[in-house]
Amino acid sequence: MLNADHLQTFLAVADSGSFTAAATQLGFTQPAVSQQIRALETQLAGTRLFRRAGQHMRLTHAGDELLSHARELVALAERAERHMLSLQGQVTGRVELGCAPSTGERLLPTLLAAFRGRYSAVQFTIEVGLPERLLQWLSDHIAQAIVVDEHPRRRSLDVLPLGREPVVCLAARGHTLLGGSPPSIADLREMPLILPQRGTALRRALEEGLRRRVGGPFDLSIVLETDSATVAAQAAADGLGLAFLPQHRAPKTRDLGIVTVTGLEIEQQWFLVRTRGTDTGSALDKLWSFTSSADGRKLLQRLGLKPARPFDGRALGMTAEELGR
């Protein structure tokens, strides 16, 4: 009979592409991972499950055939364990999460630390990636839940709004837009801008917010595109252009000032997402409940997030008028 621990190690190597990475993920040594894979191959009549391709381990045809069965068997074993422990009132298991870099650095660690204060037997894995990859991980069951900055309009998903925060415009100290009366959106025409990469939620929010406010086309003079908040802030401080960043990512330095643009208010929102109608497991269910509870909401507000607005199809790119100010 196949060993569930060996199968879990097999999945860790298959997902990470490395014995070393799998060892780190599982808390094993690299030789222990190699030994478990050899034991599994021996049990399968010497069938090779991996082949080396450069610095990575790739699945053989046999390994690829085993993959879906291994996921099912490990998931079944984990559900059985959770069920038996639940009979004693315990919550255990591992929750696999995906998030964008800024979320992983800020929201999730604090939220998970507070959650483990109540459920200390729960463990977590956090994978960082772009929104398209996060949604694919959710679909492929690599992640059980993800945190994204745009509402995924799919009926197959449960979406829990976490909160919102303003996006600020940063300029180098001494910039012409600082120190006087607040500029209008029209004053941003021809101004060199530092924006996130195309295809990101924040980029769409900025373009949509600017163009909707002026009631027509708004040509942007983009001098730099980057998803790195550090690069954007430093470029703005060096005078390359105006940078737009979520407020919590704006560095507190004398080299930068915040430009308040009259009539323009753009917000970034965050959402916790999971697949609807699947056996998510008690640990994820408890995390979902904790996040949506009064204590979870207070924690998110202490992290700087305003209460989420009801989703109306315009998660981002709202003007001050549209926000009811």
Protein backbone atom coordinates (compact mmCIF):
# COMPACT_ATOMS: atom_id res chain seq x y z
CA MET A 1 0.00 0.00 0.00
CA LEU A 2 1.32 3.43 -0.89
CA ASN A 3 2.62 5.56 1.96
CA ALA A 4 0.82 8.91 2.33
CA ASP A 5 3.98 10.62 3.60
CA HIS A 6 5.90 9.42 0.54
CA LEU A 7 3.16 10.70 -1.72
CA GLN A 8 3.16 14.08 0.01
CA THR A 9 6.93 14.31 -0.54
CA PHE A 10 6.42 13.31 -4.18
CA LEU A 11 3.90 16.16 -4.60
CA ALA A 12 6.24 18.66 -2.95
CA VAL A 13 9.03 17.77 -5.40
CA ALA A 14 6.64 17.81 -8.37
CA ASP A 15 5.27 21.25 -7.43
CA SER A 16 8.59 22.87 -6.53
CA GLY A 17 10.75 21.16 -9.18
CA SER A 18 13.54 20.57 -6.69
CA PHE A 19 14.47 18.13 -3.91
CA THR A 20 16.04 21.02 -1.98
CA ALA A 21 12.96 23.26 -2.26
CA ALA A 22 10.71 20.37 -1.28
CA ALA A 23 12.89 19.70 1.77
CA THR A 24 12.56 23.35 2.86
CA GLN A 25 8.80 23.27 2.35
CA LEU A 26 8.37 20.06 4.34
CA GLY A 27 10.95 20.79 7.02
CA PHE A 28 13.09 17.81 5.99
CA THR A 29 16.69 17.45 4.94
CA GLN A 30 17.44 16.99 1.24
CA PRO A 31 18.73 13.41 1.79
CA ALA A 32 15.47 12.55 3.60
CA VAL A 33 13.47 13.74 0.59
CA SER A 34 15.65 11.71 -1.78
CA GLN A 35 15.25 8.64 0.43
CA GLN A 36 11.44 8.93 0.44
CA ILE A 37 11.31 9.30 -3.34
CA ARG A 38 13.55 6.23 -3.77
CA ALA A 39 11.33 4.28 -1.36
CA LEU A 40 8.25 5.25 -3.37
CA GLU A 41 9.92 4.27 -6.65
CA THR A 42 10.97 0.93 -5.11
CA GLN A 43 7.40 0.26 -4.00
CA LEU A 44 6.31 0.93 -7.60
CA ALA A 45 8.59 -1.80 -8.96
CA GLY A 46 11.51 0.52 -9.57
CA THR A 47 9.54 2.98 -11.70
CA ARG A 48 11.38 6.27 -12.15
CA LEU A 49 9.21 9.23 -11.22
CA PHE A 50 11.59 12.12 -11.95
CA ARG A 51 14.29 13.02 -14.45
CA ARG A 52 16.81 15.83 -14.11
CA ALA A 53 16.53 18.77 -16.52
CA GLY A 54 19.29 21.26 -15.75
CA GLN A 55 18.77 22.48 -12.20
CA HIS A 56 15.21 21.15 -12.02
CA MET A 57 13.52 17.81 -11.47
CA ARG A 58 10.86 17.02 -14.07
CA LEU A 59 8.20 14.34 -13.92
CA THR A 60 8.65 11.29 -16.10
CA HIS A 61 5.62 9.91 -17.95
CA ALA A 62 5.01 7.54 -15.04
CA GLY A 63 5.37 10.38 -12.55
CA ASP A 64 2.88 12.45 -14.48
CA GLU A 65 0.43 9.53 -14.43
CA LEU A 66 0.85 9.23 -10.66
CA LEU A 67 0.36 12.96 -9.99
CA SER A 68 -3.44 13.19 -9.97
CA HIS A 69 -3.79 9.94 -8.00
CA ALA A 70 -1.27 11.20 -5.43
CA ARG A 71 -3.21 14.45 -4.96
CA GLU A 72 -6.44 12.54 -4.42
CA LEU A 73 -4.89 10.08 -1.95
CA VAL A 74 -3.09 12.76 0.08
CA ALA A 75 -6.23 14.92 0.16
CA LEU A 76 -8.27 11.92 1.31
CA ALA A 77 -5.75 11.13 4.06
CA GLU A 78 -5.77 14.77 5.23
CA ARG A 79 -9.58 14.88 5.27
CA ALA A 80 -9.68 11.69 7.31
CA GLU A 81 -7.16 13.11 9.79
CA ARG A 82 -9.05 16.40 10.08
CA HIS A 83 -12.32 14.57 10.63
CA MET A 84 -10.92 12.39 13.40
CA LEU A 85 -9.28 15.36 15.13
CA SER A 86 -12.47 17.40 14.77
CA LEU A 87 -14.20 14.76 16.87
CA GLN A 88 -11.92 15.96 19.68
CA GLY A 89 -12.57 19.63 18.90
CA GLN A 90 -9.16 20.25 17.33
CA VAL A 91 -8.47 22.23 14.13
CA THR A 92 -5.38 21.15 12.24
CA GLY A 93 -3.99 20.93 8.73
CA ARG A 94 -2.08 23.06 6.23
CA VAL A 95 -3.65 25.97 4.34
CA GLU A 96 -1.99 26.73 0.99
CA LEU A 97 -2.34 30.40 0.10
CA GLY A 98 -1.37 32.54 -2.87
CA CYS A 99 -0.95 36.30 -2.94
CA ALA A 100 0.61 39.26 -4.69
CA PRO A 101 4.02 40.40 -3.37
CA SER A 102 2.72 43.47 -1.51
CA THR A 103 0.00 41.39 0.18
CA GLY A 104 2.44 38.75 1.30
CA GLU A 105 4.67 41.39 2.82
CA ARG A 106 1.91 43.17 4.68
CA LEU A 107 -1.52 41.65 5.17
CA LEU A 108 -1.12 37.90 5.40
CA PRO A 109 1.68 37.51 7.99
CA THR A 110 -0.15 39.62 10.59
CA LEU A 111 -3.50 38.00 9.83
CA LEU A 112 -2.08 34.47 10.04
CA ALA A 113 -0.21 35.22 13.28
CA ALA A 114 -3.45 36.35 14.91
CA PHE A 115 -5.28 33.30 13.56
CA ARG A 116 -2.65 30.89 14.92
CA GLY A 117 -3.10 32.50 18.32
CA ARG A 118 -6.42 30.62 18.32
CA TYR A 119 -5.57 27.57 16.21
CA SER A 120 -1.93 26.78 16.88
CA ALA A 121 -1.98 23.42 15.09
CA VAL A 122 -2.66 24.97 11.67
CA GLN A 123 0.27 25.46 9.26
CA PHE A 124 0.49 27.65 6.18
CA THR A 125 2.21 27.84 2.82
CA ILE A 126 2.32 31.16 0.94
CA GLU A 127 3.19 31.29 -2.77
CA VAL A 128 3.72 34.70 -4.36
CA GLY A 129 2.71 35.47 -7.94
CA LEU A 130 0.84 37.74 -10.34
CA PRO A 131 -2.99 37.68 -10.33
CA GLU A 132 -3.28 35.53 -13.46
CA ARG A 133 -1.02 32.89 -11.92
CA LEU A 134 -2.85 33.07 -8.61
CA LEU A 135 -6.19 32.30 -10.25
CA GLN A 136 -4.61 29.43 -12.16
CA TRP A 137 -3.13 28.03 -8.95
CA LEU A 138 -6.60 28.15 -7.43
CA SER A 139 -8.04 26.34 -10.44
CA ASP A 140 -5.27 23.71 -10.34
CA HIS A 141 -5.72 23.23 -6.56
CA ILE A 142 -2.14 24.35 -5.92
CA ALA A 143 -3.60 27.06 -3.66
CA GLN A 144 -6.71 26.69 -1.51
CA ALA A 145 -7.27 30.44 -1.28
CA ILE A 146 -5.68 33.55 -2.77
CA VAL A 147 -5.56 37.27 -2.02
CA VAL A 148 -5.92 39.51 -5.08
CA ASP A 149 -6.41 43.21 -5.73
CA GLU A 150 -9.23 42.84 -8.24
CA HIS A 151 -12.65 41.22 -7.85
CA PRO A 152 -12.64 38.00 -9.94
CA ARG A 153 -16.00 37.94 -11.69
CA ARG A 154 -16.51 34.19 -11.68
CA ARG A 155 -19.55 32.45 -10.27
CA SER A 156 -17.42 29.45 -9.33
CA LEU A 157 -15.58 31.47 -6.68
CA ASP A 158 -16.38 32.72 -3.19
CA VAL A 159 -15.05 36.26 -2.71
CA LEU A 160 -14.54 37.95 0.66
CA PRO A 161 -13.70 41.70 0.47
CA LEU A 162 -10.90 42.51 2.90
CA GLY A 163 -10.76 46.29 2.63
CA ARG A 164 -9.49 49.23 0.63
CA GLU A 165 -6.77 51.83 0.78
CA PRO A 166 -6.07 55.05 -1.12
CA VAL A 167 -3.53 55.29 -3.91
CA VAL A 168 -1.30 58.36 -3.55
CA CYS A 169 0.63 60.37 -6.11
CA LEU A 170 4.30 60.86 -5.18
CA ALA A 171 6.62 63.58 -6.44
CA ALA A 172 10.19 64.60 -5.65
CA ARG A 173 10.61 67.39 -3.12
CA GLY A 174 10.61 70.72 -4.91
CA HIS A 175 8.33 69.50 -7.71
CA THR A 176 6.15 72.21 -9.25
CA LEU A 177 2.95 70.40 -8.16
CA LEU A 178 3.95 70.56 -4.48
CA GLY A 179 3.58 73.54 -2.20
CA GLY A 180 0.91 75.48 -4.08
CA SER A 181 -2.79 74.98 -4.57
CA PRO A 182 -3.82 71.37 -5.30
CA PRO A 183 -3.45 70.60 -9.02
CA SER A 184 -6.31 69.35 -11.17
CA ILE A 185 -6.25 66.25 -13.32
CA ALA A 186 -5.66 68.49 -16.34
CA ASP A 187 -2.36 69.55 -14.75
CA LEU A 188 -1.16 65.96 -15.10
CA ARG A 189 -1.26 66.17 -18.90
CA GLU A 190 2.21 65.89 -20.36
CA MET A 191 3.61 65.14 -16.88
CA PRO A 192 6.05 62.19 -16.92
CA LEU A 193 4.40 59.30 -15.07
CA ILE A 194 5.71 56.17 -13.37
CA LEU A 195 3.02 53.48 -13.57
CA PRO A 196 2.57 49.77 -12.82
CA GLN A 197 2.92 47.29 -15.67
CA ARG A 198 0.08 46.93 -18.17
CA GLY A 199 -2.49 44.30 -17.26
CA THR A 200 -2.34 44.89 -13.51
CA ALA A 201 -5.41 45.99 -11.57
CA LEU A 202 -3.72 49.14 -10.31
CA ARG A 203 -2.68 50.17 -13.83
CA ARG A 204 -6.24 49.75 -15.09
CA ALA A 205 -7.53 51.71 -12.11
CA LEU A 206 -5.22 54.63 -12.80
CA GLU A 207 -5.94 54.82 -16.51
CA GLU A 208 -9.68 54.41 -16.00
CA GLY A 209 -9.83 56.93 -13.17
CA LEU A 210 -7.92 59.59 -15.08
CA ARG A 211 -9.84 59.18 -18.32
CA ARG A 212 -13.28 58.94 -16.73
CA ARG A 213 -12.71 62.11 -14.72
CA VAL A 214 -11.85 64.21 -17.80
CA GLY A 215 -14.74 62.68 -19.77
CA GLY A 216 -12.71 61.46 -22.71
CA PRO A 217 -9.27 60.38 -23.93
CA PHE A 218 -6.40 61.28 -21.65
CA ASP A 219 -2.96 60.81 -23.14
CA LEU A 220 -0.46 59.54 -20.59
CA SER A 221 3.21 60.41 -20.77
CA ILE A 222 4.70 57.24 -19.31
CA VAL A 223 8.44 57.24 -18.66
CA LEU A 224 8.69 54.08 -16.56
CA GLU A 225 6.60 50.95 -16.00
CA THR A 226 7.38 48.79 -12.99
CA ASP A 227 5.57 46.62 -10.45
CA SER A 228 8.29 47.29 -7.87
CA ALA A 229 7.17 49.86 -5.32
CA THR A 230 10.79 50.38 -4.32
CA VAL A 231 11.86 51.21 -7.88
CA ALA A 232 8.84 53.47 -8.46
CA ALA A 233 9.41 55.45 -5.26
CA GLN A 234 13.14 55.84 -5.89
CA ALA A 235 12.54 56.94 -9.48
CA ALA A 236 10.04 59.55 -8.28
CA ALA A 237 12.49 60.78 -5.62
CA ASP A 238 15.16 61.13 -8.31
CA GLY A 239 12.85 63.33 -10.37
CA LEU A 240 12.05 60.86 -13.15
CA GLY A 241 8.29 61.41 -12.85
CA LEU A 242 5.16 61.12 -10.70
CA ALA A 243 4.57 57.71 -9.14
CA PHE A 244 1.27 56.22 -7.98
CA LEU A 245 1.44 53.75 -5.09
CA PRO A 246 -0.92 52.32 -2.47
CA GLN A 247 -0.56 54.47 0.61
CA HIS A 248 1.07 51.78 2.75
CA ARG A 249 3.79 51.29 0.13
CA ALA A 250 4.71 54.98 -0.07
CA PRO A 251 8.02 55.36 1.80
CA LYS A 252 8.25 57.99 4.50
CA THR A 253 11.20 60.03 3.34
CA ARG A 254 12.03 63.70 3.02
CA ASP A 255 12.83 63.14 -0.66
CA LEU A 256 9.16 62.61 -1.55
CA GLY A 257 5.92 64.51 -1.15
CA ILE A 258 2.30 63.55 -1.76
CA VAL A 259 0.47 65.40 -4.51
CA THR A 260 -3.25 65.83 -3.80
CA VAL A 261 -4.99 65.93 -7.18
CA THR A 262 -8.35 67.72 -7.03
CA GLY A 263 -11.29 65.52 -7.97
CA LEU A 264 -9.35 62.29 -8.24
CA GLU A 265 -9.53 59.51 -5.68
CA ILE A 266 -8.29 56.07 -6.61
CA GLU A 267 -8.41 53.14 -4.24
CA GLN A 268 -6.94 49.68 -4.23
CA GLN A 269 -9.07 46.90 -2.80
CA TRP A 270 -8.13 43.44 -1.58
CA PHE A 271 -10.16 40.23 -1.79
CA LEU A 272 -9.78 36.76 -0.28
CA VAL A 273 -10.91 34.17 -2.84
CA ARG A 274 -11.57 30.43 -2.74
CA THR A 275 -13.31 27.90 -4.98
CA ARG A 276 -17.00 27.54 -4.27
CA GLY A 277 -18.58 24.21 -3.40
CA THR A 278 -15.40 22.22 -2.74
CA ASP A 279 -14.24 20.47 0.41
CA THR A 280 -11.98 23.25 1.62
CA GLY A 281 -11.21 21.66 4.97
CA SER A 282 -11.84 22.91 8.47
CA ALA A 283 -8.60 24.92 8.69
CA LEU A 284 -9.46 27.08 5.67
CA ASP A 285 -13.08 27.37 6.81
CA LYS A 286 -11.89 28.64 10.21
CA LEU A 287 -9.49 31.10 8.55
CA TRP A 288 -12.30 32.38 6.32
CA SER A 289 -14.60 32.80 9.33
CA PHE A 290 -11.90 34.51 11.39
CA THR A 291 -11.09 36.97 8.58
CA SER A 292 -14.75 37.94 8.19
CA SER A 293 -15.35 38.19 11.95
CA ALA A 294 -15.38 41.42 13.94
CA ASP A 295 -11.91 40.63 15.32
CA GLY A 296 -10.56 39.97 11.84
CA ARG A 297 -12.04 43.22 10.54
CA LYS A 298 -10.52 45.21 13.40
CA LEU A 299 -7.14 43.68 12.65
CA LEU A 300 -7.36 44.63 8.96
CA GLN A 301 -8.32 48.18 9.92
CA ARG A 302 -5.29 48.39 12.24
CA LEU A 303 -3.21 47.46 9.20
CA GLY A 304 -4.55 50.54 7.45
CA LEU A 305 -7.41 49.13 5.40
CA LYS A 306 -10.73 50.96 5.34
CA PRO A 307 -13.88 48.79 5.45
CA ALA A 308 -14.64 47.29 2.06
CA ARG A 309 -17.40 48.78 -0.03
CA PRO A 310 -20.10 46.50 -1.47
CA PHE A 311 -18.86 45.37 -4.86
CA ASP A 312 -20.69 47.08 -7.70
CA GLY A 313 -18.48 46.19 -10.63
CA ARG A 314 -16.15 49.14 -10.09
CA ALA A 315 -13.61 47.79 -7.62
CA LEU A 316 -11.01 50.32 -8.71
CA GLY A 317 -10.61 53.63 -10.46
CA MET A 318 -13.28 55.63 -8.61
CA THR A 319 -13.37 59.42 -8.57
CA ALA A 320 -14.13 61.44 -5.48
CA GLU A 321 -17.61 62.19 -6.80
CA GLU A 322 -18.31 58.51 -7.38
CA LEU A 323 -17.23 57.71 -3.84
CA GLY A 324 -19.89 60.07 -2.56
CA ARG A 325 -17.63 62.81 -1.27
